[in-house]
Amino acid sequence: MRYPGRAGAKVAVTCRDDRTPLDELDRQLLAAVQEDARASLTTLAAAIHLGVSATRARLKSLEERGVITGYAARVDPVACGLPLRAVVRMKVHGALYDKVAAILAREPQIVRCVRVTGEACYVVEVLAADMPDLARITSDLARIGSITTDLVYEVVADRAVPSLSPSA
């Protein structure tokens, strides 16, 4: 994966215990690249007080180790004609889990789906053009389990993965 340099880009980061531990410079680099994924290697190097070559090598290592899983642009859904955002909680019985995957595969307006503990099995985030569009999507979901839908007034926090030190 090459360093992208795209407008409004964000970085997907994951850290698992089965990987080489991140050191403080890795954490600083992750924080810097999540702040501005379009930053040049020179800017990133200056931010973490390393040379450009060393910064490039660390960035490549983070990508190869799967810590940085990709680069993507943050896009305003309203500008794309999707002004409604809803959170849908779903209760699904075990035999129907495969149907959830099928809906996710065909419905791009479901932008996030997490499997959770508690009353619901899944929590889904949906973007919709209008109420009939949202009704279409939620009706599809309701065919495989019971749902509860909440409209989102505003997104209060949408943060990058924190680059916490191991002692935090």
N, C-alpha and C. Protein backbone atom coordinates (compact mmCIF):
# COMPACT_ATOMS: atom_id res chain seq x y z
N MET A 1 0.85 -1.17 0.00
CA MET A 1 0.00 0.00 0.00
C MET A 1 0.90 1.23 0.00
N ARG A 2 0.64 2.16 -0.85
CA ARG A 2 1.42 3.38 -0.93
C ARG A 2 0.72 4.49 -0.17
N TYR A 3 1.51 5.44 0.31
CA TYR A 3 0.95 6.59 1.02
C TYR A 3 0.11 7.40 0.04
N PRO A 4 -1.17 7.67 0.37
CA PRO A 4 -2.11 8.16 -0.63
C PRO A 4 -2.03 9.62 -1.01
N GLY A 5 -2.00 10.54 -0.05
CA GLY A 5 -2.04 11.96 -0.37
C GLY A 5 -3.35 12.39 -0.99
N ARG A 6 -4.48 12.00 -0.37
CA ARG A 6 -5.80 12.34 -0.90
C ARG A 6 -6.49 13.34 0.00
N ALA A 7 -7.31 14.21 -0.60
CA ALA A 7 -8.02 15.23 0.16
C ALA A 7 -8.97 14.60 1.16
N GLY A 8 -8.94 15.09 2.39
CA GLY A 8 -9.86 14.64 3.41
C GLY A 8 -9.66 13.19 3.79
N ALA A 9 -8.51 12.62 3.50
CA ALA A 9 -8.30 11.20 3.75
C ALA A 9 -8.25 10.91 5.23
N LYS A 10 -8.73 9.72 5.60
CA LYS A 10 -8.60 9.26 6.97
C LYS A 10 -7.90 7.92 6.92
N VAL A 11 -7.35 7.52 8.02
CA VAL A 11 -6.59 6.30 8.08
C VAL A 11 -7.32 5.30 8.96
N ALA A 12 -7.45 4.08 8.49
CA ALA A 12 -8.02 3.02 9.32
C ALA A 12 -6.88 2.36 10.07
N VAL A 13 -7.01 2.25 11.37
CA VAL A 13 -5.94 1.70 12.20
C VAL A 13 -6.52 0.60 13.07
N THR A 14 -5.79 -0.47 13.20
CA THR A 14 -6.17 -1.54 14.12
C THR A 14 -4.92 -2.01 14.84
N CYS A 15 -5.04 -2.34 16.08
CA CYS A 15 -3.92 -2.86 16.85
C CYS A 15 -4.36 -4.14 17.54
N ARG A 16 -3.64 -5.22 17.29
CA ARG A 16 -3.98 -6.49 17.92
C ARG A 16 -2.79 -6.97 18.73
N ASP A 17 -3.07 -7.75 19.76
CA ASP A 17 -2.03 -8.24 20.65
C ASP A 17 -1.06 -9.20 19.96
N ASP A 18 -1.47 -9.83 18.83
CA ASP A 18 -0.61 -10.81 18.17
C ASP A 18 0.41 -10.15 17.23
N ARG A 19 0.52 -8.85 17.27
CA ARG A 19 1.45 -8.14 16.40
C ARG A 19 2.60 -7.58 17.20
N THR A 20 3.65 -7.20 16.50
CA THR A 20 4.77 -6.53 17.13
C THR A 20 4.24 -5.30 17.85
N PRO A 21 4.61 -5.14 19.12
CA PRO A 21 4.08 -3.98 19.85
C PRO A 21 4.50 -2.66 19.20
N LEU A 22 3.64 -1.68 19.33
CA LEU A 22 3.94 -0.35 18.82
C LEU A 22 4.84 0.37 19.81
N ASP A 23 5.86 1.03 19.29
CA ASP A 23 6.68 1.86 20.17
C ASP A 23 6.17 3.30 20.13
N GLU A 24 6.81 4.16 20.89
CA GLU A 24 6.32 5.54 21.00
C GLU A 24 6.37 6.27 19.66
N LEU A 25 7.40 6.03 18.84
CA LEU A 25 7.47 6.68 17.53
C LEU A 25 6.35 6.18 16.60
N ASP A 26 6.04 4.88 16.68
CA ASP A 26 4.91 4.36 15.90
C ASP A 26 3.63 5.08 16.30
N ARG A 27 3.43 5.24 17.60
CA ARG A 27 2.21 5.89 18.09
C ARG A 27 2.15 7.35 17.64
N GLN A 28 3.28 8.03 17.69
CA GLN A 28 3.31 9.42 17.23
C GLN A 28 3.01 9.50 15.74
N LEU A 29 3.58 8.57 14.97
CA LEU A 29 3.33 8.55 13.52
C LEU A 29 1.85 8.25 13.24
N LEU A 30 1.28 7.31 13.97
CA LEU A 30 -0.14 7.01 13.78
C LEU A 30 -1.01 8.23 14.09
N ALA A 31 -0.68 8.93 15.17
CA ALA A 31 -1.45 10.13 15.52
C ALA A 31 -1.32 11.18 14.41
N ALA A 32 -0.12 11.36 13.90
CA ALA A 32 0.11 12.37 12.87
C ALA A 32 -0.61 12.02 11.56
N VAL A 33 -0.54 10.76 11.16
CA VAL A 33 -1.15 10.38 9.88
C VAL A 33 -2.68 10.34 10.01
N GLN A 34 -3.20 10.04 11.20
CA GLN A 34 -4.65 10.10 11.39
C GLN A 34 -5.14 11.55 11.43
N GLU A 35 -4.31 12.44 11.89
CA GLU A 35 -4.67 13.86 11.91
C GLU A 35 -4.76 14.40 10.48
N ASP A 36 -3.81 13.97 9.63
CA ASP A 36 -3.81 14.43 8.24
C ASP A 36 -3.15 13.36 7.37
N ALA A 37 -3.96 12.49 6.80
CA ALA A 37 -3.43 11.41 5.96
C ALA A 37 -2.85 11.93 4.65
N ARG A 38 -3.08 13.20 4.35
CA ARG A 38 -2.50 13.80 3.14
C ARG A 38 -1.15 14.43 3.40
N ALA A 39 -0.72 14.46 4.65
CA ALA A 39 0.56 15.10 4.98
C ALA A 39 1.68 14.42 4.21
N SER A 40 2.63 15.22 3.78
CA SER A 40 3.78 14.67 3.06
C SER A 40 4.66 13.91 4.04
N LEU A 41 5.51 13.06 3.50
CA LEU A 41 6.46 12.35 4.35
C LEU A 41 7.37 13.33 5.09
N THR A 42 7.70 14.44 4.46
CA THR A 42 8.53 15.46 5.10
C THR A 42 7.82 16.03 6.32
N THR A 43 6.55 16.33 6.18
CA THR A 43 5.76 16.86 7.30
C THR A 43 5.62 15.83 8.41
N LEU A 44 5.34 14.58 8.04
CA LEU A 44 5.23 13.52 9.05
C LEU A 44 6.56 13.31 9.77
N ALA A 45 7.63 13.32 9.01
CA ALA A 45 8.97 13.14 9.60
C ALA A 45 9.26 14.24 10.61
N ALA A 46 8.93 15.47 10.25
CA ALA A 46 9.16 16.59 11.16
C ALA A 46 8.32 16.45 12.42
N ALA A 47 7.10 15.96 12.27
CA ALA A 47 6.20 15.82 13.42
C ALA A 47 6.72 14.81 14.44
N ILE A 48 7.43 13.78 13.95
CA ILE A 48 7.91 12.75 14.89
C ILE A 48 9.43 12.81 15.08
N HIS A 49 10.05 13.85 14.52
CA HIS A 49 11.48 14.10 14.71
C HIS A 49 12.35 12.95 14.20
N LEU A 50 12.02 12.49 12.98
CA LEU A 50 12.82 11.47 12.29
C LEU A 50 13.12 11.95 10.89
N GLY A 51 14.03 11.28 10.23
CA GLY A 51 14.29 11.58 8.84
C GLY A 51 13.19 11.02 7.96
N VAL A 52 13.14 11.51 6.72
CA VAL A 52 12.11 11.08 5.78
C VAL A 52 12.21 9.58 5.50
N SER A 53 13.42 9.07 5.29
CA SER A 53 13.60 7.64 5.00
C SER A 53 13.13 6.77 6.15
N ALA A 54 13.49 7.14 7.36
CA ALA A 54 13.07 6.37 8.54
C ALA A 54 11.55 6.43 8.72
N THR A 55 10.97 7.59 8.44
CA THR A 55 9.52 7.74 8.55
C THR A 55 8.83 6.89 7.50
N ARG A 56 9.36 6.90 6.26
CA ARG A 56 8.80 6.08 5.19
C ARG A 56 8.86 4.60 5.58
N ALA A 57 9.98 4.17 6.14
CA ALA A 57 10.13 2.77 6.54
C ALA A 57 9.14 2.40 7.64
N ARG A 58 8.95 3.29 8.61
CA ARG A 58 7.99 3.02 9.69
C ARG A 58 6.56 2.97 9.15
N LEU A 59 6.23 3.88 8.26
CA LEU A 59 4.89 3.90 7.67
C LEU A 59 4.64 2.61 6.90
N LYS A 60 5.62 2.20 6.11
CA LYS A 60 5.50 0.96 5.34
C LYS A 60 5.37 -0.23 6.27
N SER A 61 6.12 -0.25 7.35
CA SER A 61 6.04 -1.34 8.32
C SER A 61 4.65 -1.39 8.97
N LEU A 62 4.11 -0.24 9.33
CA LEU A 62 2.77 -0.19 9.92
C LEU A 62 1.72 -0.72 8.94
N GLU A 63 1.89 -0.43 7.67
CA GLU A 63 0.98 -0.93 6.64
C GLU A 63 1.14 -2.44 6.48
N GLU A 64 2.38 -2.91 6.37
CA GLU A 64 2.64 -4.34 6.16
C GLU A 64 2.22 -5.18 7.35
N ARG A 65 2.34 -4.63 8.56
CA ARG A 65 1.94 -5.35 9.77
C ARG A 65 0.44 -5.32 9.98
N GLY A 66 -0.28 -4.56 9.15
CA GLY A 66 -1.72 -4.50 9.26
C GLY A 66 -2.22 -3.56 10.33
N VAL A 67 -1.34 -2.71 10.84
CA VAL A 67 -1.77 -1.71 11.82
C VAL A 67 -2.56 -0.63 11.10
N ILE A 68 -2.00 -0.11 10.01
CA ILE A 68 -2.75 0.77 9.12
C ILE A 68 -3.41 -0.13 8.09
N THR A 69 -4.73 -0.15 8.09
CA THR A 69 -5.46 -1.07 7.21
C THR A 69 -5.95 -0.42 5.93
N GLY A 70 -5.78 0.89 5.80
CA GLY A 70 -6.19 1.55 4.57
C GLY A 70 -6.30 3.04 4.75
N TYR A 71 -6.51 3.72 3.65
CA TYR A 71 -6.69 5.16 3.61
C TYR A 71 -8.01 5.43 2.90
N ALA A 72 -8.79 6.36 3.41
CA ALA A 72 -10.08 6.66 2.80
C ALA A 72 -10.42 8.13 3.02
N ALA A 73 -11.19 8.69 2.12
CA ALA A 73 -11.64 10.07 2.25
C ALA A 73 -12.86 10.12 3.17
N ARG A 74 -12.96 11.16 3.97
CA ARG A 74 -14.17 11.42 4.75
C ARG A 74 -15.08 12.24 3.85
N VAL A 75 -16.27 11.74 3.64
CA VAL A 75 -17.20 12.36 2.71
C VAL A 75 -18.45 12.80 3.47
N ASP A 76 -18.92 14.00 3.20
CA ASP A 76 -20.12 14.52 3.83
C ASP A 76 -21.34 13.84 3.20
N PRO A 77 -22.09 13.05 3.98
CA PRO A 77 -23.24 12.36 3.39
C PRO A 77 -24.32 13.31 2.89
N VAL A 78 -24.47 14.46 3.52
CA VAL A 78 -25.48 15.42 3.07
C VAL A 78 -25.15 15.91 1.66
N ALA A 79 -23.87 16.17 1.40
CA ALA A 79 -23.43 16.61 0.08
C ALA A 79 -23.66 15.54 -0.98
N CYS A 80 -23.77 14.28 -0.53
CA CYS A 80 -24.02 13.16 -1.45
C CYS A 80 -25.48 12.78 -1.53
N GLY A 81 -26.36 13.64 -0.98
CA GLY A 81 -27.79 13.38 -1.05
C GLY A 81 -28.31 12.41 -0.01
N LEU A 82 -27.57 12.23 1.09
CA LEU A 82 -28.00 11.31 2.15
C LEU A 82 -28.06 12.06 3.49
N PRO A 83 -29.06 12.93 3.66
CA PRO A 83 -29.11 13.77 4.85
C PRO A 83 -29.61 13.06 6.12
N LEU A 84 -30.28 11.92 5.98
CA LEU A 84 -30.79 11.21 7.16
C LEU A 84 -29.78 10.16 7.61
N ARG A 85 -29.55 10.12 8.92
CA ARG A 85 -28.69 9.11 9.51
C ARG A 85 -29.52 8.44 10.60
N ALA A 86 -29.51 7.12 10.61
CA ALA A 86 -30.28 6.39 11.61
C ALA A 86 -29.42 5.28 12.21
N VAL A 87 -29.73 4.95 13.45
CA VAL A 87 -29.12 3.82 14.12
C VAL A 87 -30.22 2.78 14.30
N VAL A 88 -29.95 1.57 13.84
CA VAL A 88 -30.93 0.50 13.90
C VAL A 88 -30.36 -0.62 14.77
N ARG A 89 -31.11 -1.00 15.80
CA ARG A 89 -30.73 -2.14 16.63
C ARG A 89 -31.56 -3.33 16.16
N MET A 90 -30.89 -4.46 15.94
CA MET A 90 -31.57 -5.65 15.40
C MET A 90 -31.41 -6.83 16.34
N LYS A 91 -32.50 -7.57 16.51
CA LYS A 91 -32.47 -8.87 17.18
C LYS A 91 -32.66 -9.91 16.09
N VAL A 92 -31.70 -10.79 15.96
CA VAL A 92 -31.73 -11.80 14.90
C VAL A 92 -31.46 -13.16 15.52
N HIS A 93 -32.23 -14.16 15.12
CA HIS A 93 -32.00 -15.52 15.61
C HIS A 93 -30.88 -16.16 14.79
N GLY A 94 -30.10 -17.01 15.44
CA GLY A 94 -28.90 -17.60 14.86
C GLY A 94 -29.01 -18.10 13.44
N ALA A 95 -30.13 -18.72 13.10
CA ALA A 95 -30.28 -19.28 11.75
C ALA A 95 -30.33 -18.19 10.67
N LEU A 96 -30.56 -16.93 11.08
CA LEU A 96 -30.71 -15.85 10.10
C LEU A 96 -29.48 -14.95 9.99
N TYR A 97 -28.41 -15.28 10.70
CA TYR A 97 -27.20 -14.45 10.64
C TYR A 97 -26.68 -14.28 9.21
N ASP A 98 -26.76 -15.32 8.41
CA ASP A 98 -26.30 -15.23 7.01
C ASP A 98 -27.10 -14.22 6.21
N LYS A 99 -28.35 -14.04 6.55
CA LYS A 99 -29.19 -13.07 5.84
C LYS A 99 -28.75 -11.64 6.13
N VAL A 100 -28.21 -11.41 7.33
CA VAL A 100 -27.67 -10.09 7.65
C VAL A 100 -26.51 -9.78 6.71
N ALA A 101 -25.62 -10.73 6.53
CA ALA A 101 -24.47 -10.56 5.63
C ALA A 101 -24.94 -10.27 4.21
N ALA A 102 -26.01 -10.93 3.78
CA ALA A 102 -26.52 -10.72 2.42
C ALA A 102 -27.06 -9.30 2.25
N ILE A 103 -27.77 -8.80 3.26
CA ILE A 103 -28.28 -7.43 3.18
C ILE A 103 -27.13 -6.44 3.16
N LEU A 104 -26.12 -6.66 4.01
CA LEU A 104 -24.96 -5.76 4.03
C LEU A 104 -24.26 -5.73 2.68
N ALA A 105 -24.18 -6.87 2.03
CA ALA A 105 -23.50 -6.95 0.73
C ALA A 105 -24.23 -6.17 -0.35
N ARG A 106 -25.54 -6.08 -0.26
CA ARG A 106 -26.29 -5.42 -1.34
C ARG A 106 -26.74 -4.00 -1.00
N GLU A 107 -26.56 -3.56 0.23
CA GLU A 107 -27.07 -2.25 0.64
C GLU A 107 -25.94 -1.31 1.06
N PRO A 108 -25.42 -0.49 0.13
CA PRO A 108 -24.29 0.39 0.45
C PRO A 108 -24.62 1.50 1.44
N GLN A 109 -25.91 1.78 1.64
CA GLN A 109 -26.28 2.85 2.57
C GLN A 109 -26.20 2.39 4.02
N ILE A 110 -25.95 1.12 4.25
CA ILE A 110 -25.61 0.64 5.59
C ILE A 110 -24.10 0.82 5.69
N VAL A 111 -23.69 1.86 6.41
CA VAL A 111 -22.28 2.25 6.43
C VAL A 111 -21.50 1.65 7.60
N ARG A 112 -22.21 1.12 8.57
CA ARG A 112 -21.53 0.50 9.71
C ARG A 112 -22.46 -0.55 10.29
N CYS A 113 -21.90 -1.68 10.66
CA CYS A 113 -22.65 -2.73 11.32
C CYS A 113 -21.73 -3.40 12.33
N VAL A 114 -22.16 -3.44 13.57
CA VAL A 114 -21.36 -4.11 14.61
C VAL A 114 -22.23 -5.15 15.29
N ARG A 115 -21.63 -6.28 15.60
CA ARG A 115 -22.31 -7.33 16.36
C ARG A 115 -22.05 -7.05 17.82
N VAL A 116 -23.08 -7.05 18.64
CA VAL A 116 -22.97 -6.60 20.02
C VAL A 116 -23.56 -7.61 21.00
N THR A 117 -23.24 -7.41 22.27
CA THR A 117 -23.88 -8.17 23.33
C THR A 117 -25.09 -7.39 23.81
N GLY A 118 -25.93 -8.02 24.59
CA GLY A 118 -27.10 -7.34 25.12
C GLY A 118 -28.35 -7.75 24.38
N GLU A 119 -29.37 -6.92 24.45
CA GLU A 119 -30.68 -7.22 23.84
C GLU A 119 -30.58 -7.38 22.33
N ALA A 120 -29.87 -6.48 21.69
CA ALA A 120 -29.73 -6.53 20.23
C ALA A 120 -28.56 -7.43 19.86
N CYS A 121 -28.61 -7.96 18.66
CA CYS A 121 -27.49 -8.74 18.12
C CYS A 121 -26.57 -7.85 17.28
N TYR A 122 -27.18 -6.89 16.60
CA TYR A 122 -26.45 -5.99 15.71
C TYR A 122 -26.89 -4.55 15.95
N VAL A 123 -25.97 -3.63 15.76
CA VAL A 123 -26.28 -2.21 15.70
C VAL A 123 -25.78 -1.74 14.34
N VAL A 124 -26.69 -1.14 13.58
CA VAL A 124 -26.42 -0.77 12.19
C VAL A 124 -26.57 0.74 12.05
N GLU A 125 -25.67 1.36 11.30
CA GLU A 125 -25.81 2.78 10.98
C GLU A 125 -26.19 2.88 9.51
N VAL A 126 -27.26 3.62 9.25
CA VAL A 126 -27.81 3.74 7.90
C VAL A 126 -27.83 5.20 7.49
N LEU A 127 -27.46 5.48 6.24
CA LEU A 127 -27.62 6.80 5.64
C LEU A 127 -28.74 6.70 4.62
N ALA A 128 -29.63 7.70 4.60
CA ALA A 128 -30.77 7.64 3.69
C ALA A 128 -31.05 9.00 3.07
N ALA A 129 -31.65 8.96 1.88
CA ALA A 129 -31.98 10.19 1.16
C ALA A 129 -33.19 10.88 1.79
N ASP A 130 -34.15 10.10 2.26
CA ASP A 130 -35.38 10.64 2.84
C ASP A 130 -36.06 9.53 3.64
N MET A 131 -37.22 9.82 4.22
CA MET A 131 -37.91 8.83 5.04
C MET A 131 -38.34 7.60 4.23
N PRO A 132 -38.85 7.74 3.01
CA PRO A 132 -39.18 6.52 2.25
C PRO A 132 -37.94 5.65 1.98
N ASP A 133 -36.82 6.28 1.73
CA ASP A 133 -35.58 5.53 1.52
C ASP A 133 -35.19 4.78 2.79
N LEU A 134 -35.27 5.46 3.93
CA LEU A 134 -34.98 4.81 5.21
C LEU A 134 -35.97 3.67 5.47
N ALA A 135 -37.24 3.89 5.16
CA ALA A 135 -38.26 2.85 5.35
C ALA A 135 -37.96 1.62 4.50
N ARG A 136 -37.48 1.84 3.29
CA ARG A 136 -37.12 0.72 2.41
C ARG A 136 -36.03 -0.13 3.03
N ILE A 137 -35.00 0.54 3.54
CA ILE A 137 -33.85 -0.18 4.12
C ILE A 137 -34.26 -0.88 5.41
N THR A 138 -34.98 -0.18 6.29
CA THR A 138 -35.36 -0.79 7.57
C THR A 138 -36.38 -1.91 7.36
N SER A 139 -37.23 -1.80 6.36
CA SER A 139 -38.16 -2.89 6.05
C SER A 139 -37.41 -4.15 5.64
N ASP A 140 -36.36 -3.95 4.88
CA ASP A 140 -35.51 -5.07 4.47
C ASP A 140 -34.89 -5.74 5.71
N LEU A 141 -34.40 -4.91 6.63
CA LEU A 141 -33.81 -5.45 7.87
C LEU A 141 -34.85 -6.14 8.73
N ALA A 142 -36.05 -5.59 8.79
CA ALA A 142 -37.11 -6.14 9.64
C ALA A 142 -37.59 -7.51 9.15
N ARG A 143 -37.31 -7.86 7.92
CA ARG A 143 -37.70 -9.17 7.39
C ARG A 143 -36.90 -10.30 8.03
N ILE A 144 -35.75 -9.97 8.64
CA ILE A 144 -34.93 -11.03 9.23
C ILE A 144 -34.84 -10.95 10.75
N GLY A 145 -35.44 -9.93 11.34
CA GLY A 145 -35.43 -9.83 12.80
C GLY A 145 -36.16 -8.60 13.25
N SER A 146 -36.37 -8.50 14.56
CA SER A 146 -37.04 -7.31 15.07
C SER A 146 -36.04 -6.17 15.14
N ILE A 147 -36.52 -4.96 14.86
CA ILE A 147 -35.63 -3.80 14.82
C ILE A 147 -36.21 -2.65 15.64
N THR A 148 -35.32 -1.79 16.07
CA THR A 148 -35.67 -0.51 16.67
C THR A 148 -34.82 0.52 15.96
N THR A 149 -35.45 1.57 15.46
CA THR A 149 -34.74 2.58 14.68
C THR A 149 -34.78 3.93 15.39
N ASP A 150 -33.62 4.58 15.47
CA ASP A 150 -33.51 5.92 16.03
C ASP A 150 -32.88 6.83 14.98
N LEU A 151 -33.46 8.01 14.79
CA LEU A 151 -32.85 9.00 13.90
C LEU A 151 -31.76 9.74 14.67
N VAL A 152 -30.69 10.06 14.00
CA VAL A 152 -29.56 10.76 14.61
C VAL A 152 -29.75 12.26 14.39
N TYR A 153 -29.73 13.03 15.48
CA TYR A 153 -29.78 14.50 15.38
C TYR A 153 -28.45 15.04 14.91
N GLU A 154 -27.38 14.56 15.54
CA GLU A 154 -26.04 15.01 15.15
C GLU A 154 -25.02 13.98 15.60
N VAL A 155 -23.91 13.93 14.89
CA VAL A 155 -22.78 13.10 15.29
C VAL A 155 -21.94 13.96 16.23
N VAL A 156 -21.88 13.56 17.47
CA VAL A 156 -21.20 14.35 18.49
C VAL A 156 -19.70 14.07 18.50
N ALA A 157 -19.31 12.81 18.27
CA ALA A 157 -17.89 12.44 18.22
C ALA A 157 -17.71 11.38 17.14
N ASP A 158 -16.69 11.55 16.34
CA ASP A 158 -16.31 10.58 15.31
C ASP A 158 -14.79 10.63 15.27
N ARG A 159 -14.19 9.90 16.16
CA ARG A 159 -12.75 10.01 16.39
C ARG A 159 -11.94 8.93 15.71
N ALA A 160 -10.69 9.24 15.53
CA ALA A 160 -9.71 8.28 15.06
C ALA A 160 -9.36 7.33 16.20
N VAL A 161 -8.76 6.19 15.88
CA VAL A 161 -8.30 5.27 16.90
C VAL A 161 -7.22 5.96 17.72
N PRO A 162 -7.33 5.97 19.04
CA PRO A 162 -6.31 6.65 19.83
C PRO A 162 -4.99 5.88 19.80
N SER A 163 -3.92 6.62 19.78
CA SER A 163 -2.58 6.03 19.80
C SER A 163 -2.08 6.03 21.25
N LEU A 164 -2.72 5.22 22.07
CA LEU A 164 -2.40 5.20 23.49
C LEU A 164 -1.09 4.45 23.74
N SER A 165 -0.38 4.89 24.76
CA SER A 165 0.82 4.16 25.16
C SER A 165 0.39 2.91 25.90
N PRO A 166 1.23 1.87 25.96
CA PRO A 166 0.85 0.61 26.60
C PRO A 166 0.44 0.78 28.06
N SER A 167 0.94 1.79 28.74
CA SER A 167 0.62 1.97 30.16
C SER A 167 -0.71 2.67 30.35
N ALA A 168 -1.32 3.18 29.28
CA ALA A 168 -2.58 3.94 29.41
C ALA A 168 -3.76 3.04 29.65
